[in-house]
C-alpha atoms as a PDB file:
ATOM      1  CA  MET A   1     208.209  -1.433 136.017  1.00  0.00           C
ATOM      2  CA  GLY A   2     206.087  -4.605 136.265  1.00  0.00           C
ATOM      3  CA  LEU A   3     202.851  -4.993 138.165  1.00  0.00           C
ATOM      4  CA  GLN A   4     201.868  -2.744 141.022  1.00  0.00           C
ATOM      5  CA  TYR A   5     199.340  -3.403 143.747  1.00  0.00           C
ATOM      6  CA  VAL A   6     197.681  -1.736 146.688  1.00  0.00           C
ATOM      7  CA  VAL A   7     196.357  -3.397 149.816  1.00  0.00           C
ATOM      8  CA  ALA A   8     192.563  -3.461 149.866  1.00  0.00           C
ATOM      9  CA  LYS A   9     190.233  -4.230 152.755  1.00  0.00           C
ATOM     10  CA  ARG A  10     187.530  -6.812 151.895  1.00  0.00           C
ATOM     11  CA  VAL A  11     184.675  -8.571 153.590  1.00  0.00           C
ATOM     12  CA  PHE A  12     183.893 -11.800 151.765  1.00  0.00           C
ATOM     13  CA  GLY A  13     180.273 -12.934 151.518  1.00  0.00           C
ATOM     14  CA  PHE A  14     181.108 -16.593 152.158  1.00  0.00           C
ATOM     15  CA  ASP A  15     182.616 -15.730 155.555  1.00  0.00           C
ATOM     16  CA  LYS A  16     179.837 -16.218 158.148  1.00  0.00           C
ATOM     17  CA  ASP A  17     181.549 -13.911 160.648  1.00  0.00           C
ATOM     18  CA  LYS A  18     182.032 -11.141 158.022  1.00  0.00           C
ATOM     19  CA  THR A  19     185.649 -10.884 159.106  1.00  0.00           C
ATOM     20  CA  VAL A  20     187.661  -8.121 157.472  1.00  0.00           C
ATOM     21  CA  LYS A  21     190.469  -9.470 155.283  1.00  0.00           C
ATOM     22  CA  TYR A  22     193.200  -7.724 153.310  1.00  0.00           C
ATOM     23  CA  VAL A  23     194.096  -8.618 149.738  1.00  0.00           C
ATOM     24  CA  ALA A  24     196.456  -7.346 147.060  1.00  0.00           C
ATOM     25  CA  LYS A  25     194.544  -5.412 144.368  1.00  0.00           C
ATOM     26  CA  SER A  26     196.299  -4.813 141.057  1.00  0.00           C
ATOM     27  CA  VAL A  27     196.686  -1.246 139.857  1.00  0.00           C
ATOM     28  CA  GLY A  28     196.875  -0.678 136.118  1.00  0.00           C
ATOM     29  CA  ALA A  29     199.702   1.347 134.625  1.00  0.00           C
ATOM     30  CA  GLY A  30     197.617   2.757 131.772  1.00  0.00           C
ATOM     31  CA  GLU A  31     196.535   1.525 128.379  1.00  0.00           C
ATOM     32  CA  LEU A  32     198.151   1.376 124.955  1.00  0.00           C
ATOM     33  CA  ASP A  33     195.565   2.066 122.252  1.00  0.00           C
ATOM     34  CA  PHE A  34     195.529   0.310 118.888  1.00  0.00           C
ATOM     35  CA  ASP A  35     196.848   3.267 116.859  1.00  0.00           C
ATOM     36  CA  LYS A  36     199.873   3.718 119.127  1.00  0.00           C
ATOM     37  CA  LEU A  37     200.511  -0.022 119.093  1.00  0.00           C
ATOM     38  CA  CYS A  38     200.498  -0.031 115.267  1.00  0.00           C
ATOM     39  CA  ALA A  39     202.836   2.971 115.224  1.00  0.00           C
ATOM     40  CA  LYS A  40     205.302   1.216 117.561  1.00  0.00           C
ATOM     41  CA  VAL A  41     205.215  -1.994 115.522  1.00  0.00           C
ATOM     42  CA  SER A  42     205.736  -0.050 112.279  1.00  0.00           C
ATOM     43  CA  ARG A  43     208.827   1.664 113.739  1.00  0.00           C
ATOM     44  CA  ILE A  44     210.305  -1.651 114.878  1.00  0.00           C
ATOM     45  CA  ILE A  45     209.789  -3.587 111.634  1.00  0.00           C
ATOM     46  CA  GLY A  46     210.184  -0.683 109.234  1.00  0.00           C
ATOM     47  CA  ILE A  47     206.889  -0.754 107.354  1.00  0.00           C
ATOM     48  CA  HIS A  48     204.153   1.844 107.072  1.00  0.00           C
ATOM     49  CA  ARG A  49     201.757   2.081 110.046  1.00  0.00           C
ATOM     50  CA  LYS A  50     198.709   1.548 107.816  1.00  0.00           C
ATOM     51  CA  THR A  51     200.198  -1.743 106.605  1.00  0.00           C
ATOM     52  CA  VAL A  52     200.484  -2.905 110.215  1.00  0.00           C
ATOM     53  CA  ASP A  53     196.876  -1.781 110.765  1.00  0.00           C
ATOM     54  CA  LEU A  54     195.667  -3.746 107.727  1.00  0.00           C
ATOM     55  CA  VAL A  55     197.525  -6.902 108.745  1.00  0.00           C
ATOM     56  CA  ALA A  56     196.164  -6.703 112.301  1.00  0.00           C
ATOM     57  CA  ALA A  57     192.610  -6.087 111.040  1.00  0.00           C
ATOM     58  CA  GLY A  58     192.925  -9.040 108.669  1.00  0.00           C
ATOM     59  CA  LEU A  59     194.206 -11.229 111.492  1.00  0.00           C
ATOM     60  CA  VAL A  60     191.233 -10.294 113.678  1.00  0.00           C
ATOM     61  CA  ASP A  61     188.788 -10.955 110.808  1.00  0.00           C
ATOM     62  CA  ILE A  62     190.193 -14.426 110.101  1.00  0.00           C
ATOM     63  CA  MET A  63     190.420 -15.272 113.808  1.00  0.00           C
ATOM     64  CA  SER A  64     186.774 -14.240 114.260  1.00  0.00           C
ATOM     65  CA  GLU A  65     185.682 -16.509 111.400  1.00  0.00           C
ATOM     66  CA  GLU A  66     187.641 -19.490 112.702  1.00  0.00           C
ATOM     67  CA  ILE A  67     186.565 -19.030 116.330  1.00  0.00           C
ATOM     68  CA  ASP A  68     182.964 -18.651 115.117  1.00  0.00           C
ATOM     69  CA  ASP A  69     183.401 -22.114 113.543  1.00  0.00           C
ATOM     70  CA  GLY A  70     184.377 -23.432 116.995  1.00  0.00           C
ATOM     71  CA  LYS A  71     188.090 -23.703 116.283  1.00  0.00           C
ATOM     72  CA  THR A  72     190.931 -22.797 118.632  1.00  0.00           C
ATOM     73  CA  VAL A  73     193.348 -20.324 117.064  1.00  0.00           C
ATOM     74  CA  ARG A  74     197.022 -20.651 117.972  1.00  0.00           C
ATOM     75  CA  LEU A  75     199.254 -17.648 117.254  1.00  0.00           C
ATOM     76  CA  GLY A  76     202.691 -19.152 117.825  1.00  0.00           C
ATOM     77  CA  ASP A  77     204.494 -17.718 120.844  1.00  0.00           C
ATOM     78  CA  PHE A  78     201.692 -15.189 121.332  1.00  0.00           C
ATOM     79  CA  GLY A  79     199.266 -17.821 122.622  1.00  0.00           C
ATOM     80  CA  LEU A  80     195.951 -19.384 121.785  1.00  0.00           C
ATOM     81  CA  PHE A  81     192.354 -18.218 121.677  1.00  0.00           C
ATOM     82  CA  ARG A  82     189.686 -20.817 122.454  1.00  0.00           C
ATOM     83  CA  PRO A  83     185.917 -20.376 122.287  1.00  0.00           C
ATOM     84  CA  SER A  84     184.063 -21.394 125.427  1.00  0.00           C
ATOM     85  CA  PHE A  85     180.874 -20.705 127.355  1.00  0.00           C
ATOM     86  CA  VAL A  86     179.338 -20.666 130.814  1.00  0.00           C
ATOM     87  CA  GLY A  87     176.157 -22.626 131.312  1.00  0.00           C
ATOM     88  CA  LYS A  88     173.558 -23.284 133.978  1.00  0.00           C
ATOM     89  CA  CYS A  89     173.196 -26.801 135.338  1.00  0.00           C
ATOM     90  CA  ALA A  90     170.027 -28.879 135.180  1.00  0.00           C
ATOM     91  CA  ASP A  91     168.652 -31.713 137.271  1.00  0.00           C
ATOM     92  CA  THR A  92     168.397 -34.108 134.326  1.00  0.00           C
ATOM     93  CA  GLU A  93     170.377 -34.808 131.176  1.00  0.00           C
ATOM     94  CA  THR A  94     167.413 -33.807 129.000  1.00  0.00           C
ATOM     95  CA  GLY A  95     167.200 -30.540 130.905  1.00  0.00           C
ATOM     96  CA  VAL A  96     170.521 -29.408 129.411  1.00  0.00           C
ATOM     97  CA  THR A  97     169.924 -27.533 126.162  1.00  0.00           C
ATOM     98  CA  ALA A  98     171.484 -24.619 124.305  1.00  0.00           C
ATOM     99  CA  SER A  99     169.226 -22.311 126.317  1.00  0.00           C
ATOM    100  CA  ASN A 100     171.257 -23.228 129.424  1.00  0.00           C
ATOM    101  CA  ILE A 101     174.241 -21.357 127.985  1.00  0.00           C
ATOM    102  CA  VAL A 102     174.288 -17.975 129.681  1.00  0.00           C
ATOM    103  CA  ARG A 103     177.506 -16.441 128.367  1.00  0.00           C
ATOM    104  CA  LYS A 104     179.875 -17.109 125.480  1.00  0.00           C
ATOM    105  CA  ARG A 105     183.495 -16.085 125.757  1.00  0.00           C
ATOM    106  CA  ILE A 106     186.958 -16.458 124.288  1.00  0.00           C
ATOM    107  CA  LEU A 107     189.637 -17.827 126.584  1.00  0.00           C
ATOM    108  CA  PHE A 108     193.216 -16.697 126.020  1.00  0.00           C
ATOM    109  CA  SER A 109     196.148 -18.842 127.077  1.00  0.00           C
ATOM    110  CA  PRO A 110     199.518 -17.117 126.781  1.00  0.00           C
ATOM    111  CA  GLY A 111     202.212 -18.754 124.681  1.00  0.00           C
ATOM    112  CA  LYS A 112     205.917 -19.103 125.407  1.00  0.00           C
ATOM    113  CA  ALA A 113     206.743 -15.409 124.913  1.00  0.00           C
ATOM    114  CA  PHE A 114     204.125 -14.148 127.371  1.00  0.00           C
ATOM    115  CA  SER A 115     204.637 -17.000 129.835  1.00  0.00           C
ATOM    116  CA  ALA A 116     208.355 -16.247 130.016  1.00  0.00           C
ATOM    117  CA  MET A 117     207.648 -12.535 130.466  1.00  0.00           C
ATOM    118  CA  LEU A 118     205.103 -13.220 133.235  1.00  0.00           C
ATOM    119  CA  SER A 119     207.481 -15.495 135.129  1.00  0.00           C
ATOM    120  CA  LYS A 120     210.102 -12.715 135.180  1.00  0.00           C
ATOM    121  CA  MET A 121     207.707  -9.789 135.818  1.00  0.00           C
ATOM    122  CA  SER A 122     208.275  -7.908 139.042  1.00  0.00           C
ATOM    123  CA  VAL A 123     205.480  -7.108 141.488  1.00  0.00           C
ATOM    124  CA  THR A 124     205.784  -4.069 143.735  1.00  0.00           C
ATOM    125  CA  LYS A 125     203.555  -2.420 146.293  1.00  0.00           C
ATOM    126  CA  MET A 126     202.243   0.996 145.278  1.00  0.00           C
ATOM    127  CA  THR A 127     201.930   3.543 148.057  1.00  0.00           C
ATOM    128  CA  VAL A 128     199.256   6.149 147.586  1.00  0.00           C
ATOM    129  CA  PRO A 129     198.850   8.619 150.468  1.00  0.00           C
ATOM    130  CA  ASP A 130     195.397   9.236 151.938  1.00  0.00           C
ATOM    131  CA  MET A 131     193.535   6.808 149.662  1.00  0.00           C
ATOM    132  CA  ASP A 132     191.143   4.151 150.918  1.00  0.00           C
ATOM    133  CA  TYR A 133     190.831   1.081 148.673  1.00  0.00           C
ATOM    134  CA  THR A 134     188.127  -0.668 150.655  1.00  0.00           C
ATOM    135  CA  ASP A 135     185.077  -2.103 148.940  1.00  0.00           C
ATOM    136  CA  GLY A 136     182.385   0.460 148.340  1.00  0.00           C
ATOM    137  CA  SER A 137     184.510   3.486 149.205  1.00  0.00           C
ATOM    138  CA  ASN A 138     184.495   4.713 145.642  1.00  0.00           C
ATOM    139  CA  GLY A 139     181.306   3.029 144.461  1.00  0.00           C
ATOM    140  CA  SER A 140     182.850   1.519 141.344  1.00  0.00           C
ATOM    141  CA  ASP A 141     183.807  -2.087 141.985  1.00  0.00           C
ATOM    142  CA  SER A 142     182.788  -3.164 138.486  1.00  0.00           C
ATOM    143  CA  GLY A 143     183.060  -6.903 138.903  1.00  0.00           C
ATOM    144  CA  ASN A 144     186.510  -7.300 137.338  1.00  0.00           C
ATOM    145  CA  PRO A 145     188.456 -10.193 138.853  1.00  0.00           C
ATOM    146  CA  ASP A 146     190.987  -7.749 140.245  1.00  0.00           C
ATOM    147  CA  GLY A 147     188.244  -5.492 141.571  1.00  0.00           C
ATOM    148  CA  GLY A 148     189.288  -2.538 139.432  1.00  0.00           C
ATOM    149  CA  SER A 149     187.923  -0.969 136.298  1.00  0.00           C
ATOM    150  CA  GLY A 150     190.850  -2.146 134.194  1.00  0.00           C
ATOM    151  CA  ASP A 151     191.472   1.365 132.878  1.00  0.00           C
ATOM    152  CA  GLY A 152     194.612   2.116 134.863  1.00  0.00           C
ATOM    153  CA  ASN A 153     192.742   4.100 137.504  1.00  0.00           C
ATOM    154  CA  PRO A 154     193.902   2.898 140.942  1.00  0.00           C
ATOM    155  CA  LEU A 155     190.505   3.756 142.370  1.00  0.00           C
ATOM    156  CA  GLY A 156     188.792   1.172 140.184  1.00  0.00           C
END
């Protein structure tokens, strides 16, 4: 099915004239929870679901330890996970300290498998009758880059 989008009306704060613009807003197609993912993997590779669960949990534990040590973790064709942060600037070099770091995060860069899939993924317009996707109409623009809640709900 690929990605779906709706057309959303936006007024950008950097636009002095407050001109209305229209942008494509992604609409999620749902979510696959961890248990169902483990069940699907176990069916494909022919091992017990709990074994898949244990391997995945072990992978997350080791990745957490290594990322906590500042290392980038590469998972083959899956991609890589790199620790990073966002910091505030200062007027002088001595003004930059660890307290300037405001948010730590893990950046994910897709590997060959995901990059190939993304390059082939289709994008189609979703038509939803009598729905208004303008900013503020539903009161839940949660700050996600795509403007939605990320939970598959087309109303954000």
